[in-house]
Amino acid sequence: MANNNNNNNETTCKICTDEKALVDMFTSGECSHFFCKDCISNHIAAKVEDNIANVKCPQPGCETVLEPNNCHSILPKDVLDLWGDVLCEAAIVGIQKLYCPFVDCSVTLIDDGGEAVTEAECPSCKRMFCAKCNVEWHGEVECEEFQKLRLEEDDDFIAIKFAEQMNWKRCPHCRIYVDRIEGCPYINCRCGSQFCYGCGDKWGGDHACSESTDARRYH
């Protein structure tokens, strides 16, 4: 008789397949599936770590969504706190979000859909930034002009890096890149400027560098 009562007070967890006492089992109340508290706690923690806000019942095919209010008693505080953060993030999906452009801050900000602004102050680090360009405040330069300058700088940066890899030199007058295939370091650019391929300085009567010494006998 005692064994029958013991069996009636136990059930099988469908995750770990262990026999557990009913008091150690969890159900959402929205579906009929039972799991032990340890397994359901681990299930929720794993989903939240993956940034999943709507944690479903682990029973295959069940679409029941678990609610934090029903899981307080089985979850550690850090998991509950993280779940709350993930739910908040999910709640503002679709609302315009941006981040403070300063890397030592990067707090999440929300565009409330009001009047468009450019000059803004981060409520966390209190520094000014441009909400349209999402960079630190660029002063009186208009956003369109700033974006154009930034693209030009990016293109120029790429060109400089490529030129460095190819060991090209830049004319000090017109700034065009020159590639010396062979010969002395004396360069006569198409713009008329003369410069040293070795050090990049303008060529003159008193010019001297490690590559120009031997070239003087040619000029």
N, C-alpha and C. Protein backbone atom coordinates (compact mmCIF):
# COMPACT_ATOMS: atom_id res chain seq x y z
N MET A 1 0.83 -1.20 0.00
CA MET A 1 0.00 0.00 0.00
C MET A 1 0.87 1.25 0.00
N ALA A 2 1.98 1.19 0.78
CA ALA A 2 2.89 2.33 0.85
C ALA A 2 3.55 2.56 -0.50
N ASN A 3 3.91 1.45 -1.18
CA ASN A 3 4.54 1.59 -2.49
C ASN A 3 3.61 2.24 -3.49
N ASN A 4 2.30 1.88 -3.46
CA ASN A 4 1.33 2.47 -4.38
C ASN A 4 1.19 3.96 -4.14
N ASN A 5 1.17 4.37 -2.86
CA ASN A 5 1.06 5.80 -2.56
C ASN A 5 2.31 6.54 -3.04
N ASN A 6 3.50 5.86 -2.89
CA ASN A 6 4.73 6.49 -3.33
C ASN A 6 4.73 6.67 -4.84
N ASN A 7 4.23 5.64 -5.57
CA ASN A 7 4.16 5.74 -7.02
C ASN A 7 3.21 6.84 -7.46
N ASN A 8 2.12 7.00 -6.74
CA ASN A 8 1.14 8.03 -7.10
C ASN A 8 1.67 9.43 -6.87
N ASN A 9 2.70 9.57 -6.02
CA ASN A 9 3.26 10.87 -5.72
C ASN A 9 4.50 11.18 -6.56
N GLU A 10 4.80 10.36 -7.54
CA GLU A 10 5.94 10.56 -8.41
C GLU A 10 5.52 10.55 -9.87
N THR A 11 6.31 11.22 -10.69
CA THR A 11 6.07 11.19 -12.14
C THR A 11 7.40 11.31 -12.85
N THR A 12 7.42 11.05 -14.12
CA THR A 12 8.67 11.05 -14.89
C THR A 12 8.88 12.39 -15.59
N CYS A 13 10.05 12.95 -15.40
CA CYS A 13 10.43 14.17 -16.13
C CYS A 13 10.71 13.79 -17.57
N LYS A 14 10.13 14.51 -18.51
CA LYS A 14 10.28 14.16 -19.92
C LYS A 14 11.58 14.66 -20.53
N ILE A 15 12.39 15.33 -19.71
CA ILE A 15 13.70 15.77 -20.20
C ILE A 15 14.79 14.82 -19.72
N CYS A 16 14.91 14.67 -18.40
CA CYS A 16 15.95 13.79 -17.86
C CYS A 16 15.49 12.35 -17.68
N THR A 17 14.17 12.13 -17.82
CA THR A 17 13.53 10.80 -17.69
C THR A 17 13.68 10.19 -16.30
N ASP A 18 14.03 11.01 -15.31
CA ASP A 18 14.10 10.52 -13.94
C ASP A 18 12.73 10.58 -13.28
N GLU A 19 12.51 9.65 -12.34
CA GLU A 19 11.30 9.70 -11.53
C GLU A 19 11.47 10.76 -10.45
N LYS A 20 10.57 11.72 -10.41
CA LYS A 20 10.66 12.81 -9.44
C LYS A 20 9.36 12.94 -8.68
N ALA A 21 9.48 13.38 -7.43
CA ALA A 21 8.28 13.65 -6.62
C ALA A 21 7.51 14.81 -7.25
N LEU A 22 6.23 14.80 -7.11
CA LEU A 22 5.38 15.84 -7.70
C LEU A 22 5.77 17.23 -7.21
N VAL A 23 6.24 17.32 -5.97
CA VAL A 23 6.61 18.64 -5.44
C VAL A 23 7.87 19.18 -6.12
N ASP A 24 8.61 18.30 -6.79
CA ASP A 24 9.82 18.72 -7.50
C ASP A 24 9.57 18.94 -8.99
N MET A 25 8.30 18.91 -9.38
CA MET A 25 7.94 19.08 -10.79
C MET A 25 7.41 20.48 -11.05
N PHE A 26 7.49 20.88 -12.33
CA PHE A 26 7.01 22.21 -12.75
C PHE A 26 6.06 22.05 -13.92
N THR A 27 5.00 22.86 -13.91
CA THR A 27 4.11 22.99 -15.07
C THR A 27 3.74 24.44 -15.21
N SER A 28 3.59 24.88 -16.44
CA SER A 28 3.29 26.29 -16.69
C SER A 28 1.87 26.66 -16.30
N GLY A 29 1.00 25.67 -16.22
CA GLY A 29 -0.41 25.96 -15.95
C GLY A 29 -1.19 26.23 -17.22
N GLU A 30 -0.47 26.44 -18.34
CA GLU A 30 -1.11 26.71 -19.62
C GLU A 30 -1.12 25.46 -20.50
N CYS A 31 -0.33 24.46 -20.13
CA CYS A 31 -0.34 23.19 -20.85
C CYS A 31 -0.22 22.07 -19.82
N SER A 32 -0.33 20.85 -20.28
CA SER A 32 -0.36 19.71 -19.36
C SER A 32 0.98 19.01 -19.20
N HIS A 33 2.06 19.65 -19.67
CA HIS A 33 3.37 18.99 -19.65
C HIS A 33 4.12 19.27 -18.36
N PHE A 34 4.68 18.21 -17.77
CA PHE A 34 5.41 18.30 -16.52
C PHE A 34 6.90 18.07 -16.76
N PHE A 35 7.71 18.85 -16.08
CA PHE A 35 9.17 18.69 -16.13
C PHE A 35 9.71 18.96 -14.73
N CYS A 36 10.83 18.36 -14.40
CA CYS A 36 11.38 18.64 -13.08
C CYS A 36 11.91 20.07 -13.06
N LYS A 37 11.95 20.65 -11.89
CA LYS A 37 12.33 22.05 -11.73
C LYS A 37 13.76 22.30 -12.19
N ASP A 38 14.65 21.34 -11.95
CA ASP A 38 16.05 21.51 -12.38
C ASP A 38 16.14 21.59 -13.90
N CYS A 39 15.43 20.71 -14.60
CA CYS A 39 15.49 20.69 -16.06
C CYS A 39 14.86 21.93 -16.68
N ILE A 40 13.73 22.36 -16.15
CA ILE A 40 13.07 23.53 -16.73
C ILE A 40 13.88 24.79 -16.45
N SER A 41 14.56 24.83 -15.29
CA SER A 41 15.42 25.96 -14.98
C SER A 41 16.60 26.03 -15.94
N ASN A 42 17.21 24.89 -16.21
CA ASN A 42 18.33 24.84 -17.17
C ASN A 42 17.86 25.18 -18.58
N HIS A 43 16.66 24.74 -18.93
CA HIS A 43 16.09 25.03 -20.25
C HIS A 43 15.92 26.53 -20.44
N ILE A 44 15.34 27.20 -19.44
CA ILE A 44 15.12 28.64 -19.54
C ILE A 44 16.45 29.39 -19.59
N ALA A 45 17.39 28.99 -18.73
CA ALA A 45 18.69 29.67 -18.68
C ALA A 45 19.41 29.58 -20.03
N ALA A 46 19.34 28.42 -20.67
CA ALA A 46 20.01 28.24 -21.97
C ALA A 46 19.38 29.12 -23.05
N LYS A 47 18.05 29.21 -23.05
CA LYS A 47 17.36 30.04 -24.05
C LYS A 47 17.67 31.51 -23.85
N VAL A 48 17.65 31.94 -22.59
CA VAL A 48 17.92 33.35 -22.29
C VAL A 48 19.36 33.71 -22.65
N GLU A 49 20.29 32.80 -22.40
CA GLU A 49 21.68 33.04 -22.79
C GLU A 49 21.81 33.22 -24.29
N ASP A 50 20.92 32.58 -25.06
CA ASP A 50 20.91 32.73 -26.52
C ASP A 50 20.09 33.93 -26.96
N ASN A 51 19.71 34.78 -25.99
CA ASN A 51 18.98 36.01 -26.28
C ASN A 51 17.57 35.75 -26.81
N ILE A 52 16.98 34.64 -26.39
CA ILE A 52 15.61 34.30 -26.78
C ILE A 52 14.67 34.78 -25.69
N ALA A 53 13.76 35.68 -26.02
CA ALA A 53 12.86 36.26 -25.03
C ALA A 53 11.66 35.36 -24.74
N ASN A 54 11.03 34.86 -25.81
CA ASN A 54 9.85 34.01 -25.65
C ASN A 54 10.27 32.55 -25.53
N VAL A 55 10.41 32.12 -24.30
CA VAL A 55 10.85 30.76 -24.02
C VAL A 55 9.63 29.84 -24.01
N LYS A 56 9.64 28.85 -24.90
CA LYS A 56 8.49 27.95 -25.02
C LYS A 56 8.67 26.70 -24.16
N CYS A 57 7.56 26.06 -23.89
CA CYS A 57 7.56 24.77 -23.21
C CYS A 57 8.46 23.81 -24.00
N PRO A 58 9.33 23.07 -23.33
CA PRO A 58 10.28 22.20 -24.05
C PRO A 58 9.65 20.96 -24.68
N GLN A 59 8.37 20.72 -24.44
CA GLN A 59 7.71 19.59 -25.07
C GLN A 59 7.66 19.80 -26.58
N PRO A 60 8.19 18.90 -27.39
CA PRO A 60 8.16 19.07 -28.85
C PRO A 60 6.75 19.32 -29.37
N GLY A 61 6.61 20.37 -30.18
CA GLY A 61 5.32 20.71 -30.77
C GLY A 61 4.46 21.61 -29.92
N CYS A 62 4.83 21.83 -28.66
CA CYS A 62 4.03 22.69 -27.78
C CYS A 62 4.42 24.14 -28.00
N GLU A 63 3.44 25.00 -28.19
CA GLU A 63 3.68 26.41 -28.46
C GLU A 63 3.45 27.29 -27.23
N THR A 64 3.24 26.68 -26.08
CA THR A 64 3.02 27.45 -24.86
C THR A 64 4.27 28.25 -24.50
N VAL A 65 4.09 29.54 -24.25
CA VAL A 65 5.21 30.41 -23.88
C VAL A 65 5.25 30.53 -22.36
N LEU A 66 6.42 30.28 -21.79
CA LEU A 66 6.58 30.38 -20.34
C LEU A 66 6.66 31.84 -19.92
N GLU A 67 6.11 32.14 -18.76
CA GLU A 67 6.09 33.51 -18.26
C GLU A 67 7.01 33.62 -17.04
N PRO A 68 7.82 34.69 -16.97
CA PRO A 68 8.72 34.87 -15.82
C PRO A 68 7.99 34.84 -14.47
N ASN A 69 6.78 35.40 -14.44
CA ASN A 69 6.04 35.44 -13.17
C ASN A 69 5.75 34.04 -12.62
N ASN A 70 5.64 33.07 -13.50
CA ASN A 70 5.36 31.70 -13.06
C ASN A 70 6.63 30.92 -12.74
N CYS A 71 7.78 31.54 -12.98
CA CYS A 71 9.04 30.81 -12.83
C CYS A 71 9.94 31.39 -11.75
N HIS A 72 9.47 32.37 -11.02
CA HIS A 72 10.29 33.03 -10.00
C HIS A 72 10.87 32.04 -9.00
N SER A 73 10.07 31.09 -8.59
CA SER A 73 10.49 30.19 -7.51
C SER A 73 11.52 29.17 -7.93
N ILE A 74 11.73 28.97 -9.23
CA ILE A 74 12.65 27.93 -9.69
C ILE A 74 13.90 28.49 -10.36
N LEU A 75 13.97 29.82 -10.56
CA LEU A 75 15.09 30.40 -11.28
C LEU A 75 15.99 31.22 -10.36
N PRO A 76 17.30 31.15 -10.57
CA PRO A 76 18.23 32.02 -9.84
C PRO A 76 17.99 33.48 -10.22
N LYS A 77 18.35 34.39 -9.34
CA LYS A 77 18.12 35.81 -9.59
C LYS A 77 18.83 36.30 -10.84
N ASP A 78 20.05 35.82 -11.10
CA ASP A 78 20.78 36.31 -12.27
C ASP A 78 20.10 35.91 -13.57
N VAL A 79 19.49 34.72 -13.59
CA VAL A 79 18.76 34.29 -14.78
C VAL A 79 17.50 35.12 -14.96
N LEU A 80 16.79 35.39 -13.87
CA LEU A 80 15.59 36.23 -13.93
C LEU A 80 15.93 37.63 -14.43
N ASP A 81 17.02 38.18 -13.91
CA ASP A 81 17.42 39.54 -14.32
C ASP A 81 17.77 39.57 -15.81
N LEU A 82 18.53 38.56 -16.26
CA LEU A 82 18.90 38.50 -17.67
C LEU A 82 17.67 38.32 -18.55
N TRP A 83 16.73 37.49 -18.10
CA TRP A 83 15.49 37.28 -18.86
C TRP A 83 14.73 38.59 -18.98
N GLY A 84 14.70 39.36 -17.91
CA GLY A 84 14.04 40.66 -17.95
C GLY A 84 14.68 41.58 -18.96
N ASP A 85 16.02 41.58 -19.01
CA ASP A 85 16.74 42.43 -19.98
C ASP A 85 16.43 42.00 -21.41
N VAL A 86 16.42 40.69 -21.64
CA VAL A 86 16.14 40.18 -22.99
C VAL A 86 14.71 40.52 -23.41
N LEU A 87 13.78 40.43 -22.49
CA LEU A 87 12.39 40.79 -22.79
C LEU A 87 12.26 42.27 -23.11
N CYS A 88 13.01 43.11 -22.39
CA CYS A 88 12.98 44.56 -22.67
C CYS A 88 13.53 44.86 -24.05
N GLU A 89 14.63 44.18 -24.39
CA GLU A 89 15.21 44.38 -25.71
C GLU A 89 14.23 43.96 -26.80
N ALA A 90 13.55 42.83 -26.58
CA ALA A 90 12.60 42.33 -27.57
C ALA A 90 11.41 43.27 -27.70
N ALA A 91 11.04 43.92 -26.60
CA ALA A 91 9.87 44.79 -26.61
C ALA A 91 10.09 46.03 -27.47
N ILE A 92 11.35 46.42 -27.66
CA ILE A 92 11.61 47.62 -28.44
C ILE A 92 12.12 47.31 -29.84
N VAL A 93 12.05 46.03 -30.22
CA VAL A 93 12.36 45.69 -31.61
C VAL A 93 11.31 46.34 -32.51
N GLY A 94 11.74 46.99 -33.54
CA GLY A 94 10.82 47.71 -34.40
C GLY A 94 10.81 49.19 -34.09
N ILE A 95 11.19 49.55 -32.84
CA ILE A 95 11.38 50.94 -32.49
C ILE A 95 12.81 51.30 -32.85
N GLN A 96 13.01 52.49 -33.37
CA GLN A 96 14.34 52.89 -33.80
C GLN A 96 15.30 52.91 -32.61
N LYS A 97 16.37 52.12 -32.70
CA LYS A 97 17.36 52.08 -31.65
C LYS A 97 18.70 52.59 -32.18
N LEU A 98 19.48 53.18 -31.33
CA LEU A 98 20.84 53.55 -31.66
C LEU A 98 21.67 53.40 -30.41
N TYR A 99 22.97 53.51 -30.58
CA TYR A 99 23.88 53.32 -29.45
C TYR A 99 24.79 54.52 -29.35
N CYS A 100 25.14 54.86 -28.12
CA CYS A 100 26.10 55.93 -27.92
C CYS A 100 27.36 55.58 -28.69
N PRO A 101 27.88 56.50 -29.53
CA PRO A 101 29.03 56.16 -30.38
C PRO A 101 30.35 56.05 -29.65
N PHE A 102 30.40 56.48 -28.39
CA PHE A 102 31.65 56.40 -27.64
C PHE A 102 31.83 54.97 -27.13
N VAL A 103 32.94 54.34 -27.49
CA VAL A 103 33.14 52.91 -27.22
C VAL A 103 33.17 52.59 -25.74
N ASP A 104 33.54 53.57 -24.91
CA ASP A 104 33.58 53.31 -23.48
C ASP A 104 32.22 53.51 -22.83
N CYS A 105 31.19 53.76 -23.65
CA CYS A 105 29.82 53.91 -23.14
C CYS A 105 28.89 52.93 -23.85
N SER A 106 28.58 53.20 -25.14
CA SER A 106 27.79 52.31 -26.00
C SER A 106 26.43 51.95 -25.42
N VAL A 107 25.85 52.81 -24.58
CA VAL A 107 24.54 52.53 -24.00
C VAL A 107 23.47 52.55 -25.10
N THR A 108 22.45 51.72 -24.95
CA THR A 108 21.37 51.65 -25.92
C THR A 108 20.44 52.84 -25.74
N LEU A 109 20.12 53.51 -26.84
CA LEU A 109 19.21 54.66 -26.82
C LEU A 109 18.04 54.37 -27.73
N ILE A 110 16.91 55.02 -27.49
CA ILE A 110 15.69 54.78 -28.26
C ILE A 110 15.21 56.08 -28.88
N ASP A 111 14.93 56.04 -30.17
CA ASP A 111 14.31 57.17 -30.85
C ASP A 111 12.82 57.11 -30.57
N ASP A 112 12.31 58.13 -29.89
CA ASP A 112 10.90 58.10 -29.50
C ASP A 112 9.96 58.51 -30.62
N GLY A 113 10.51 58.73 -31.81
CA GLY A 113 9.66 59.06 -32.95
C GLY A 113 9.24 60.51 -33.01
N GLY A 114 9.84 61.33 -32.16
CA GLY A 114 9.49 62.75 -32.14
C GLY A 114 10.21 63.52 -33.23
N GLU A 115 10.43 64.79 -32.98
CA GLU A 115 11.08 65.65 -33.96
C GLU A 115 12.51 65.18 -34.20
N ALA A 116 12.89 65.13 -35.48
CA ALA A 116 14.22 64.66 -35.83
C ALA A 116 15.28 65.60 -35.25
N VAL A 117 16.31 65.03 -34.63
CA VAL A 117 17.39 65.81 -34.04
C VAL A 117 18.72 65.28 -34.55
N THR A 118 19.71 66.13 -34.53
CA THR A 118 21.07 65.72 -34.86
C THR A 118 21.94 65.82 -33.61
N GLU A 119 22.04 67.02 -33.03
CA GLU A 119 22.85 67.22 -31.84
C GLU A 119 22.14 66.64 -30.62
N ALA A 120 22.75 65.66 -29.98
CA ALA A 120 22.11 64.99 -28.85
C ALA A 120 23.14 64.73 -27.75
N GLU A 121 22.63 64.59 -26.54
CA GLU A 121 23.50 64.29 -25.39
C GLU A 121 23.17 62.91 -24.87
N CYS A 122 24.19 62.08 -24.72
CA CYS A 122 23.99 60.75 -24.16
C CYS A 122 23.58 60.89 -22.70
N PRO A 123 22.46 60.29 -22.30
CA PRO A 123 22.03 60.42 -20.91
C PRO A 123 22.93 59.67 -19.94
N SER A 124 23.79 58.80 -20.45
CA SER A 124 24.65 58.03 -19.57
C SER A 124 26.00 58.70 -19.36
N CYS A 125 26.74 58.97 -20.47
CA CYS A 125 28.08 59.55 -20.34
C CYS A 125 28.10 61.06 -20.47
N LYS A 126 26.94 61.67 -20.85
CA LYS A 126 26.77 63.12 -20.92
C LYS A 126 27.61 63.78 -22.01
N ARG A 127 28.05 63.02 -23.01
CA ARG A 127 28.81 63.60 -24.11
C ARG A 127 27.91 63.82 -25.31
N MET A 128 28.26 64.82 -26.11
CA MET A 128 27.44 65.19 -27.26
C MET A 128 27.80 64.31 -28.46
N PHE A 129 26.78 63.96 -29.23
CA PHE A 129 27.00 63.19 -30.46
C PHE A 129 25.92 63.55 -31.48
N CYS A 130 26.14 63.15 -32.73
CA CYS A 130 25.17 63.38 -33.79
C CYS A 130 24.29 62.15 -33.91
N ALA A 131 23.00 62.31 -33.65
CA ALA A 131 22.08 61.17 -33.69
C ALA A 131 21.83 60.69 -35.11
N LYS A 132 22.05 61.54 -36.09
CA LYS A 132 21.83 61.16 -37.49
C LYS A 132 23.01 60.36 -38.03
N CYS A 133 24.22 60.83 -37.75
CA CYS A 133 25.43 60.15 -38.24
C CYS A 133 25.93 59.09 -37.26
N ASN A 134 25.41 59.14 -36.03
CA ASN A 134 25.80 58.23 -34.96
C ASN A 134 27.32 58.25 -34.73
N VAL A 135 27.85 59.46 -34.63
CA VAL A 135 29.26 59.68 -34.30
C VAL A 135 29.31 60.81 -33.28
N GLU A 136 30.49 61.02 -32.69
CA GLU A 136 30.62 62.15 -31.79
C GLU A 136 30.32 63.45 -32.55
N TRP A 137 29.86 64.46 -31.85
CA TRP A 137 29.37 65.68 -32.47
C TRP A 137 30.41 66.29 -33.41
N HIS A 138 29.99 66.59 -34.65
CA HIS A 138 30.90 67.11 -35.67
C HIS A 138 30.76 68.60 -35.88
N GLY A 139 30.38 69.31 -34.83
CA GLY A 139 30.37 70.77 -34.87
C GLY A 139 29.39 71.35 -35.86
N GLU A 140 29.84 72.37 -36.57
CA GLU A 140 28.96 73.10 -37.50
C GLU A 140 28.92 72.47 -38.88
N VAL A 141 29.64 71.38 -39.08
CA VAL A 141 29.62 70.71 -40.38
C VAL A 141 28.28 70.00 -40.56
N GLU A 142 27.58 70.29 -41.66
CA GLU A 142 26.29 69.65 -41.93
C GLU A 142 26.47 68.14 -42.11
N CYS A 143 25.44 67.39 -41.75
CA CYS A 143 25.53 65.93 -41.80
C CYS A 143 25.88 65.41 -43.19
N GLU A 144 25.27 66.00 -44.23
CA GLU A 144 25.53 65.56 -45.60
C GLU A 144 26.99 65.76 -45.96
N GLU A 145 27.55 66.92 -45.57
CA GLU A 145 28.94 67.21 -45.86
C GLU A 145 29.86 66.30 -45.05
N PHE A 146 29.47 66.05 -43.79
CA PHE A 146 30.27 65.16 -42.95
C PHE A 146 30.33 63.75 -43.54
N GLN A 147 29.18 63.25 -44.00
CA GLN A 147 29.13 61.90 -44.58
C GLN A 147 30.00 61.84 -45.83
N LYS A 148 29.96 62.89 -46.63
CA LYS A 148 30.78 62.93 -47.84
C LYS A 148 32.27 62.91 -47.49
N LEU A 149 32.65 63.72 -46.49
CA LEU A 149 34.04 63.76 -46.06
C LEU A 149 34.49 62.42 -45.50
N ARG A 150 33.60 61.77 -44.76
CA ARG A 150 33.96 60.48 -44.16
C ARG A 150 34.17 59.43 -45.24
N LEU A 151 33.32 59.44 -46.30
CA LEU A 151 33.51 58.51 -47.40
C LEU A 151 34.83 58.76 -48.12
N GLU A 152 35.13 60.04 -48.30
CA GLU A 152 36.39 60.39 -48.96
C GLU A 152 37.58 59.94 -48.12
N GLU A 153 37.47 60.11 -46.80
CA GLU A 153 38.55 59.68 -45.92
C GLU A 153 38.72 58.17 -45.94
N ASP A 154 37.58 57.46 -45.98
CA ASP A 154 37.63 55.99 -46.03
C ASP A 154 38.31 55.53 -47.32
N ASP A 155 37.91 56.17 -48.45
CA ASP A 155 38.51 55.81 -49.74
C ASP A 155 40.01 56.12 -49.74
N ASP A 156 40.36 57.29 -49.16
CA ASP A 156 41.75 57.70 -49.11
C ASP A 156 42.56 56.76 -48.23
N PHE A 157 41.96 56.33 -47.12
CA PHE A 157 42.64 55.40 -46.21
C PHE A 157 42.95 54.09 -46.92
N ILE A 158 41.96 53.57 -47.68
CA ILE A 158 42.17 52.33 -48.42
C ILE A 158 43.28 52.50 -49.45
N ALA A 159 43.26 53.65 -50.16
CA ALA A 159 44.28 53.91 -51.17
C ALA A 159 45.67 53.99 -50.54
N ILE A 160 45.76 54.64 -49.38
CA ILE A 160 47.05 54.78 -48.71
C ILE A 160 47.59 53.42 -48.29
N LYS A 161 46.73 52.59 -47.72
CA LYS A 161 47.16 51.27 -47.28
C LYS A 161 47.63 50.42 -48.45
N PHE A 162 46.90 50.50 -49.58
CA PHE A 162 47.29 49.74 -50.76
C PHE A 162 48.63 50.25 -51.30
N ALA A 163 48.80 51.58 -51.32
CA ALA A 163 50.05 52.17 -51.81
C ALA A 163 51.23 51.76 -50.93
N GLU A 164 50.99 51.68 -49.61
CA GLU A 164 52.06 51.27 -48.70
C GLU A 164 52.47 49.83 -48.99
N GLN A 165 51.49 48.97 -49.25
CA GLN A 165 51.79 47.57 -49.56
C GLN A 165 52.58 47.45 -50.86
N MET A 166 52.25 48.32 -51.83
CA MET A 166 52.92 48.27 -53.13
C MET A 166 54.22 49.07 -53.14
N ASN A 167 54.52 49.76 -52.02
CA ASN A 167 55.71 50.61 -51.90
C ASN A 167 55.69 51.76 -52.90
N TRP A 168 54.51 52.30 -53.18
CA TRP A 168 54.39 53.47 -54.03
C TRP A 168 54.68 54.72 -53.22
N LYS A 169 55.08 55.77 -53.92
CA LYS A 169 55.34 57.07 -53.28
C LYS A 169 54.38 58.12 -53.85
N ARG A 170 54.14 59.15 -53.07
CA ARG A 170 53.18 60.18 -53.46
C ARG A 170 53.92 61.47 -53.79
N CYS A 171 53.55 62.06 -54.92
CA CYS A 171 54.14 63.34 -55.31
C CYS A 171 53.80 64.39 -54.25
N PRO A 172 54.79 65.13 -53.72
CA PRO A 172 54.52 66.13 -52.69
C PRO A 172 53.73 67.33 -53.19
N HIS A 173 53.61 67.46 -54.53
CA HIS A 173 52.89 68.61 -55.08
C HIS A 173 51.45 68.28 -55.46
N CYS A 174 51.26 67.29 -56.35
CA CYS A 174 49.90 66.98 -56.82
C CYS A 174 49.28 65.80 -56.08
N ARG A 175 50.07 65.10 -55.23
CA ARG A 175 49.61 63.99 -54.39
C ARG A 175 49.25 62.72 -55.15
N ILE A 176 49.60 62.64 -56.43
CA ILE A 176 49.35 61.41 -57.19
C ILE A 176 50.39 60.36 -56.78
N TYR A 177 49.98 59.09 -56.82
CA TYR A 177 50.90 58.00 -56.48
C TYR A 177 51.75 57.64 -57.69
N VAL A 178 53.03 57.34 -57.42
CA VAL A 178 53.99 56.99 -58.46
C VAL A 178 54.63 55.66 -58.11
N ASP A 179 54.78 54.81 -59.12
CA ASP A 179 55.43 53.52 -58.91
C ASP A 179 56.73 53.50 -59.70
N ARG A 180 57.85 53.33 -59.01
CA ARG A 180 59.15 53.23 -59.69
C ARG A 180 59.45 51.76 -59.95
N ILE A 181 59.57 51.41 -61.21
CA ILE A 181 59.86 50.02 -61.57
C ILE A 181 61.35 49.74 -61.47
N GLU A 182 62.17 50.67 -61.95
CA GLU A 182 63.61 50.52 -61.88
C GLU A 182 64.24 51.90 -62.05
N GLY A 183 65.57 51.97 -61.85
CA GLY A 183 66.28 53.22 -62.05
C GLY A 183 66.55 53.95 -60.76
N CYS A 184 67.03 55.18 -60.89
CA CYS A 184 67.42 55.99 -59.74
C CYS A 184 66.20 56.58 -59.05
N PRO A 185 66.37 57.14 -57.85
CA PRO A 185 65.22 57.66 -57.10
C PRO A 185 64.72 59.02 -57.57
N TYR A 186 65.40 59.65 -58.54
CA TYR A 186 64.95 60.94 -59.05
C TYR A 186 63.67 60.76 -59.86
N ILE A 187 62.58 61.43 -59.46
CA ILE A 187 61.30 61.31 -60.14
C ILE A 187 60.87 62.67 -60.68
N ASN A 188 60.55 62.69 -61.95
CA ASN A 188 60.00 63.89 -62.57
C ASN A 188 58.53 63.63 -62.82
N CYS A 189 57.67 64.14 -61.95
CA CYS A 189 56.23 63.86 -62.02
C CYS A 189 55.59 64.54 -63.22
N ARG A 190 54.46 64.04 -63.66
CA ARG A 190 53.75 64.62 -64.81
C ARG A 190 53.27 66.03 -64.53
N CYS A 191 53.19 66.42 -63.24
CA CYS A 191 52.77 67.78 -62.91
C CYS A 191 53.94 68.75 -62.98
N GLY A 192 55.16 68.21 -63.20
CA GLY A 192 56.35 69.05 -63.30
C GLY A 192 57.18 69.08 -62.04
N SER A 193 56.65 68.55 -60.96
CA SER A 193 57.38 68.54 -59.70
C SER A 193 58.42 67.43 -59.72
N GLN A 194 59.57 67.70 -59.10
CA GLN A 194 60.65 66.73 -59.01
C GLN A 194 60.82 66.34 -57.55
N PHE A 195 60.88 65.03 -57.30
CA PHE A 195 61.03 64.59 -55.91
C PHE A 195 61.81 63.29 -55.85
N CYS A 196 62.20 62.94 -54.64
CA CYS A 196 62.99 61.73 -54.41
C CYS A 196 62.07 60.58 -54.06
N TYR A 197 62.21 59.49 -54.81
CA TYR A 197 61.37 58.32 -54.55
C TYR A 197 61.76 57.63 -53.24
N GLY A 198 63.00 57.86 -52.81
CA GLY A 198 63.47 57.22 -51.60
C GLY A 198 62.81 57.76 -50.34
N CYS A 199 62.78 59.11 -50.21
CA CYS A 199 62.26 59.70 -48.98
C CYS A 199 61.00 60.52 -49.19
N GLY A 200 60.65 60.80 -50.47
CA GLY A 200 59.43 61.55 -50.76
C GLY A 200 59.59 63.05 -50.74
N ASP A 201 60.78 63.57 -50.39
CA ASP A 201 61.00 65.01 -50.36
C ASP A 201 61.23 65.56 -51.76
N LYS A 202 61.00 66.89 -51.89
CA LYS A 202 61.27 67.54 -53.17
C LYS A 202 62.75 67.45 -53.49
N TRP A 203 63.01 67.26 -54.78
CA TRP A 203 64.39 67.14 -55.23
C TRP A 203 64.99 68.52 -55.40
N GLY A 204 66.18 68.69 -54.85
CA GLY A 204 66.85 69.98 -54.99
C GLY A 204 68.35 69.79 -54.99
N GLY A 205 69.05 70.90 -55.18
CA GLY A 205 70.51 70.82 -55.25
C GLY A 205 71.13 70.32 -53.97
N ASP A 206 70.49 70.59 -52.85
CA ASP A 206 71.07 70.18 -51.57
C ASP A 206 70.39 68.93 -51.01
N HIS A 207 69.61 68.25 -51.85
CA HIS A 207 68.90 67.07 -51.35
C HIS A 207 69.87 65.91 -51.14
N ALA A 208 69.71 65.23 -50.04
CA ALA A 208 70.55 64.08 -49.74
C ALA A 208 69.78 63.09 -48.91
N CYS A 209 69.76 61.84 -49.34
CA CYS A 209 69.19 60.76 -48.55
C CYS A 209 69.90 59.48 -48.95
N SER A 210 69.59 58.40 -48.33
CA SER A 210 70.32 57.15 -48.57
C SER A 210 70.23 56.68 -50.00
N GLU A 211 69.11 57.01 -50.70
CA GLU A 211 68.96 56.53 -52.07
C GLU A 211 69.41 57.55 -53.11
N SER A 212 69.53 58.82 -52.70
CA SER A 212 69.82 59.85 -53.69
C SER A 212 71.30 60.07 -53.93
N THR A 213 72.14 59.59 -53.02
CA THR A 213 73.59 59.84 -53.15
C THR A 213 74.14 59.29 -54.46
N ASP A 214 73.81 58.05 -54.76
CA ASP A 214 74.33 57.44 -56.00
C ASP A 214 73.68 58.01 -57.23
N ALA A 215 72.49 58.65 -57.09
CA ALA A 215 71.78 59.16 -58.25
C ALA A 215 72.36 60.43 -58.79
N ARG A 216 73.19 61.14 -58.01
CA ARG A 216 73.64 62.45 -58.43
C ARG A 216 74.53 62.40 -59.67
N ARG A 217 75.18 61.28 -59.90
CA ARG A 217 76.04 61.21 -61.06
C ARG A 217 75.25 61.18 -62.36
N TYR A 218 73.89 60.93 -62.23
CA TYR A 218 73.05 60.90 -63.44
C TYR A 218 72.46 62.26 -63.74
N HIS A 219 72.52 63.22 -62.82
CA HIS A 219 71.83 64.52 -62.99
C HIS A 219 72.80 65.65 -62.72
